[in-house]
Protein backbone atom coordinates (compact mmCIF):
# COMPACT_ATOMS: atom_id res chain seq x y z
CA MET A 1 12.27 21.03 -43.12
CA LYS A 2 11.73 24.68 -42.10
CA LYS A 3 9.77 23.58 -39.03
CA THR A 4 12.56 21.19 -37.98
CA LEU A 5 15.20 23.91 -38.45
CA LEU A 6 13.14 26.40 -36.40
CA THR A 7 12.79 23.86 -33.59
CA LEU A 8 16.55 23.27 -33.53
CA VAL A 9 17.22 27.03 -33.45
CA MET A 10 14.78 27.56 -30.55
CA ALA A 11 16.26 24.67 -28.60
CA THR A 12 19.77 26.05 -29.14
CA LEU A 13 18.73 29.54 -28.03
CA THR A 14 17.04 28.13 -24.96
CA GLY A 15 20.19 26.23 -24.04
CA ILE A 16 22.26 29.38 -24.51
CA VAL A 17 19.94 31.41 -22.28
CA TYR A 18 20.05 28.84 -19.47
CA GLY A 19 23.81 28.42 -19.92
CA GLN A 20 24.46 32.14 -19.46
CA THR A 21 22.29 32.54 -16.36
CA ASP A 22 21.69 30.94 -13.03
CA THR A 23 18.74 28.55 -12.94
CA ILE A 24 16.49 28.04 -9.92
CA PHE A 25 14.63 24.73 -9.92
CA THR A 26 11.47 25.10 -7.85
CA ASN A 27 8.75 22.58 -7.11
CA ASN A 28 6.90 23.49 -10.32
CA GLU A 29 9.16 25.41 -12.67
CA LYS A 30 12.62 26.49 -13.77
CA ILE A 31 13.56 30.17 -13.37
CA ALA A 32 16.36 31.60 -15.53
CA CYS A 33 17.75 34.49 -13.52
CA VAL A 34 20.68 36.05 -11.69
CA VAL A 35 20.86 34.89 -8.07
CA LYS A 36 21.61 37.87 -5.84
CA GLU A 37 21.60 36.43 -2.33
CA ILE A 38 20.75 33.31 -0.36
CA THR A 39 19.47 34.12 3.13
CA THR A 40 18.49 31.84 5.99
CA ASP A 41 14.98 31.36 4.61
CA ALA A 42 14.87 32.68 1.03
CA VAL A 43 16.65 33.00 -2.31
CA LYS A 44 16.76 36.50 -3.79
CA TYR A 45 17.11 36.86 -7.55
CA ALA A 46 16.52 39.15 -10.53
CA PHE A 47 15.26 38.22 -13.96
CA VAL A 48 17.74 38.65 -16.81
CA GLY A 49 17.87 42.29 -17.93
CA GLU A 50 15.97 43.54 -14.87
CA GLU A 51 17.09 45.27 -11.67
CA LEU A 52 14.06 44.44 -9.52
CA ASN A 53 14.84 41.83 -6.87
CA ASN A 54 12.44 38.92 -6.31
CA SER A 55 12.51 36.31 -3.57
CA ILE A 56 11.34 32.74 -3.12
CA TYR A 57 11.29 30.72 0.08
CA LYS A 58 13.91 27.97 0.28
CA ASN A 59 11.15 25.44 1.05
CA ALA A 60 10.07 25.81 -2.59
CA VAL A 61 13.58 25.47 -4.08
CA HIS A 62 15.06 22.09 -4.94
CA LYS A 63 18.35 23.29 -6.35
CA ILE A 64 20.19 26.11 -8.08
CA VAL A 65 22.44 25.50 -11.08
CA PHE A 66 24.77 28.48 -11.31
CA LYS A 67 26.10 29.67 -14.67
CA ASN A 68 29.59 28.42 -13.78
CA GLY A 69 28.18 24.88 -13.43
CA ARG A 70 28.11 24.70 -9.64
CA ILE A 71 25.00 23.05 -8.19
CA GLN A 72 23.57 23.87 -4.77
CA THR A 73 20.77 21.71 -3.37
CA PHE A 74 18.38 22.62 -0.57
CA THR A 75 17.41 20.14 2.13
CA GLU A 76 14.35 22.22 3.05
CA ALA A 77 12.48 21.15 -0.10
CA THR A 78 13.82 17.59 -0.32
CA SER A 79 12.90 16.75 3.29
CA PHE A 80 9.22 16.33 2.41
CA LYS A 81 8.08 12.82 1.52
CA ASN A 82 5.93 12.12 -1.53
CA VAL A 83 2.24 11.33 -1.11
CA ASN A 84 1.32 9.67 -4.39
CA SER A 85 -1.94 8.12 -3.21
CA VAL A 86 -4.34 8.13 -0.29
CA ASN A 87 -2.60 5.07 1.14
CA ASP A 88 0.63 7.07 1.53
CA TYR A 89 -0.81 9.00 4.49
CA ASP A 90 2.06 7.88 6.74
CA ASN A 91 4.32 10.09 4.61
CA VAL A 92 2.44 13.23 5.68
CA THR A 93 4.50 15.53 7.91
CA ILE A 94 2.83 17.38 10.80
CA THR A 95 4.50 20.55 12.03
CA GLN A 96 3.81 23.42 14.39
CA VAL A 97 6.70 25.49 13.01
CA GLU A 98 5.38 28.23 10.72
CA TYR A 99 8.69 28.60 8.90
CA GLU A 100 8.39 25.06 7.52
CA ILE A 101 5.29 25.91 5.46
CA LYS A 102 6.61 29.11 3.89
CA GLY A 103 6.60 28.84 0.10
CA LEU A 104 4.30 25.79 0.10
CA PHE A 105 0.88 25.54 -1.54
CA LYS A 106 -2.21 25.70 0.67
CA LEU A 107 -4.84 23.07 -0.19
CA GLY A 108 -7.45 23.30 2.56
CA ASP A 109 -8.34 22.75 6.20
CA ALA A 110 -8.40 19.53 8.21
CA SER A 111 -9.60 18.49 11.64
CA SER A 112 -9.91 15.27 13.59
CA LYS A 113 -11.24 13.98 16.87
CA ALA A 114 -10.55 10.75 18.75
CA LYS A 115 -12.06 9.63 22.02
CA GLY A 116 -11.45 6.68 24.32
CA THR A 117 -14.15 4.13 24.96
CA THR A 118 -13.77 4.01 28.76
CA VAL A 119 -12.16 6.02 31.54
CA LEU A 120 -9.33 3.48 31.42
CA SER A 121 -8.46 4.22 27.79
CA ASN A 122 -4.81 4.80 26.94
CA GLN A 123 -4.32 8.53 26.34
CA GLU A 124 -1.37 8.15 23.94
CA ARG A 125 -3.20 5.64 21.76
CA VAL A 126 -6.19 7.94 21.49
CA LYS A 127 -3.87 10.79 20.52
CA GLU A 128 -2.22 8.58 17.87
CA ARG A 129 -5.66 7.84 16.36
CA ALA A 130 -6.39 11.55 16.07
CA TYR A 131 -3.07 12.23 14.34
CA ARG A 132 -3.61 9.30 11.99
CA LYS A 133 -7.03 10.62 10.94
CA LEU A 134 -5.52 14.06 10.32
CA LYS A 135 -2.85 12.53 8.06
CA ILE A 136 -5.50 10.57 6.14
CA GLN A 137 -7.42 13.80 5.50
CA ALA A 138 -4.27 15.43 4.15
CA ALA A 139 -3.52 12.49 1.83
CA ILE A 140 -7.10 12.53 0.52
CA GLN A 141 -6.57 16.19 -0.38
CA GLY A 142 -3.22 15.45 -2.03
CA GLY A 143 -1.17 17.15 0.68
CA ASN A 144 2.06 16.01 2.31
CA ILE A 145 2.36 18.46 5.20
CA ILE A 146 -0.04 19.77 7.85
CA TYR A 147 0.50 22.95 9.81
CA LEU A 148 -1.07 22.18 13.17
CA THR A 149 -3.00 25.21 14.43
CA ASN A 150 -4.64 23.69 17.48
CA GLN A 151 -4.26 20.63 19.68
CA ARG A 152 -6.40 19.91 22.71
CA THR A 153 -6.11 16.75 24.77
CA GLU A 154 -8.11 15.95 27.88
CA GLY A 155 -7.25 13.04 30.12
CA ASN A 156 -9.53 10.43 31.64
CA LYS A 157 -11.83 11.76 34.35
CA PHE A 158 -13.15 9.32 36.90
CA GLY A 159 -16.70 9.86 38.06
CA SER A 160 -18.07 10.13 41.54
CA GLU A 161 -21.36 9.79 43.28
CA TYR A 162 -22.36 13.23 42.01
CA GLN A 163 -20.58 13.46 38.66
CA SER A 164 -20.17 11.07 35.74
CA GLY A 165 -16.72 10.27 34.40
CA SER A 166 -15.38 10.88 30.88
CA SER A 167 -12.73 9.18 28.76
CA THR A 168 -9.66 10.81 27.26
CA GLU A 169 -10.17 12.86 24.08
CA THR A 170 -7.94 14.60 21.51
CA ASN A 171 -9.06 17.31 19.07
CA LEU A 172 -6.79 18.55 16.28
CA THR A 173 -7.15 21.24 13.63
CA GLY A 174 -4.69 22.21 10.92
CA ILE A 175 -4.07 23.47 7.40
CA VAL A 176 -3.07 21.11 4.59
CA TYR A 177 -0.16 22.07 2.32
CA SER A 178 1.83 20.50 -0.49
CA ASN A 179 5.31 21.33 -1.71
CA ARG A 180 4.32 20.37 -5.25
CA LEU A 181 1.23 20.85 -7.41
CA PRO A 182 0.22 18.80 -10.46
CA SER A 183 0.82 20.65 -13.74
CA TYR A 184 -2.27 22.26 -15.22
CA ASP A 185 -0.82 22.33 -18.76
CA ASN A 186 0.22 18.69 -18.67
CA PHE A 187 -3.17 17.60 -17.35
CA VAL A 188 -5.04 19.48 -20.08
CA LYS A 189 -2.84 17.82 -22.70
CA LEU A 190 -3.49 14.44 -21.12
CA VAL A 191 -7.28 14.57 -21.16
CA LYS A 192 -7.35 16.38 -24.53
CA THR A 193 -10.92 16.68 -25.80
CA ASN A 194 -12.39 13.68 -23.98
CA THR A 195 -15.17 14.61 -21.55
CA SER A 196 -16.35 11.33 -19.99
CA TYR A 197 -14.36 8.86 -17.90
CA PRO A 198 -15.11 5.95 -15.54
CA ALA A 199 -14.63 6.46 -11.79
CA ILE A 200 -13.27 3.14 -10.51
CA GLN A 201 -12.33 3.64 -6.84
CA GLU A 202 -13.65 5.72 -3.95
CA SER A 203 -11.74 6.58 -0.78
CA LYS A 204 -13.55 8.48 1.95
CA LEU A 205 -13.27 9.48 5.57
CA TYR A 206 -16.26 10.42 7.71
CA SER A 207 -15.60 12.82 10.57
CA SER A 208 -17.03 10.20 12.93
CA SER A 209 -15.06 7.29 11.41
CA SER A 210 -11.91 5.91 12.94
CA ASP A 211 -10.35 4.83 9.64
CA LEU A 212 -10.28 5.28 5.88
CA GLU A 213 -12.93 3.51 3.83
CA GLN A 214 -12.17 2.35 0.28
CA GLN A 215 -14.32 0.55 -2.27
CA VAL A 216 -14.41 -0.29 -5.97
CA ILE A 217 -17.08 1.71 -7.81
CA SER A 218 -18.44 2.02 -11.33
CA LYS A 219 -19.64 5.56 -12.02
CA GLN A 220 -19.29 8.03 -14.86
CA PHE A 221 -17.41 11.27 -14.39
CA SER A 222 -18.05 14.03 -16.93
CA ILE A 223 -15.85 17.09 -17.50
CA ASN A 224 -17.47 20.37 -18.51
CA SER A 225 -14.42 22.62 -18.13
CA ILE A 226 -10.97 22.69 -16.55
CA VAL A 227 -9.80 25.85 -14.77
CA ASN A 228 -6.48 26.94 -13.27
CA GLU A 229 -7.24 28.59 -9.92
CA ASN A 230 -3.97 29.93 -8.51
CA GLY A 231 -2.13 26.78 -9.55
CA LEU A 232 -4.90 24.38 -8.47
CA ILE A 233 -6.54 22.27 -11.20
CA ILE A 234 -10.31 22.64 -10.83
CA ILE A 235 -12.74 20.55 -12.86
CA ASN A 236 -16.28 21.74 -13.33
CA GLY A 237 -18.13 18.53 -14.02
CA GLN A 238 -20.58 15.91 -12.90
CA LEU A 239 -20.10 12.69 -10.93
CA GLU A 240 -22.83 10.10 -11.40
CA GLY A 241 -25.01 9.93 -8.29
CA VAL A 242 -23.73 13.24 -6.88
CA THR A 243 -26.06 16.14 -7.60
CA LYS A 244 -25.04 18.73 -5.01
CA TYR A 245 -21.45 19.18 -6.18
CA SER A 246 -20.04 20.11 -9.55
CA LYS A 247 -16.58 21.35 -8.58
CA PHE A 248 -13.71 18.90 -8.10
CA ARG A 249 -9.98 19.41 -7.60
CA VAL A 250 -7.35 17.25 -9.30
CA VAL A 251 -4.89 16.06 -6.65
CA SER A 252 -2.68 13.87 -8.85
CA PHE A 253 -2.47 12.18 -12.23
CA THR A 254 -0.46 9.67 -14.24
CA THR A 255 -0.71 8.61 -17.87
CA ASN A 256 -3.34 6.03 -16.88
CA GLU A 257 -5.50 7.72 -14.25
CA PHE A 258 -6.17 10.83 -12.22
CA ASN A 259 -7.56 11.46 -8.74
CA ILE A 260 -10.07 14.10 -7.73
CA PHE A 261 -11.03 15.52 -4.34
CA TYR A 262 -14.27 16.93 -3.03
CA GLU A 263 -15.87 17.44 0.36
CA ASP A 264 -19.47 16.82 1.35
CA LYS A 265 -20.17 18.44 4.71
CA SER A 266 -17.96 16.55 7.16
CA THR A 267 -16.90 13.78 4.75
CA VAL A 268 -13.88 14.02 2.44
CA TYR A 269 -13.65 12.02 -0.79
CA ASN A 270 -10.87 11.02 -3.15
CA LEU A 271 -11.91 9.28 -6.38
CA LYS A 272 -9.71 7.48 -8.87
CA ILE A 273 -10.69 8.17 -12.48
CA LYS A 274 -9.44 5.91 -15.27
CA LEU A 275 -8.14 7.48 -18.46
């Protein structure tokens, strides 16, 4: 009875606190605060009872519920599409505008290369293959946006009596970001004290491959510890058949499964683990 009463009191107090303040809804949390200013690229606010101003990029803000009940949404955060699995790679956004990645979470690097088979190869199709491979890499890492840092395309070069020809080629490099990270606390609650799970599907992309490879597998995945590294869920564990790597990042999870990412030299992997 006392426990129930205490829970009701805490819930009521929480509702009062949020009702008397502005609330910023970000990609990962709710911030009870006093909104001071909304600029072209950021929201400035102060925590309740404090004078120090903080700021958060609008890319990371979904909406603000003001204490008077007014709701303001932000198209910057809602413009990104969800990448719920590796097969959602078409939802990955590629940008060269630095502003669009402000406030997002950096996941890792990505690069791709595509080359025509002959000097008559279609340059645009080769370029499309390179972009597609870059998107697949981002989806494998759990990202939904790539900041393109370099793009180099060379056209077909016809040979001569003294020089051999070469086909068109595109090289891309970028940084993978996500506007949302899986919750560390919720994942820890989900796995509880269990330490061994079956890995049931493997998705991988070789640097030399032209497409994603997927296959059903039957391997054991063991968890030694789970660590929160700047918002990223890192599992120290062991995957059956893989001896060189013991560090895996959780890219997504549901109540029935979770996916992990790791990289072996120039090959990126995404494994589905059944709960």
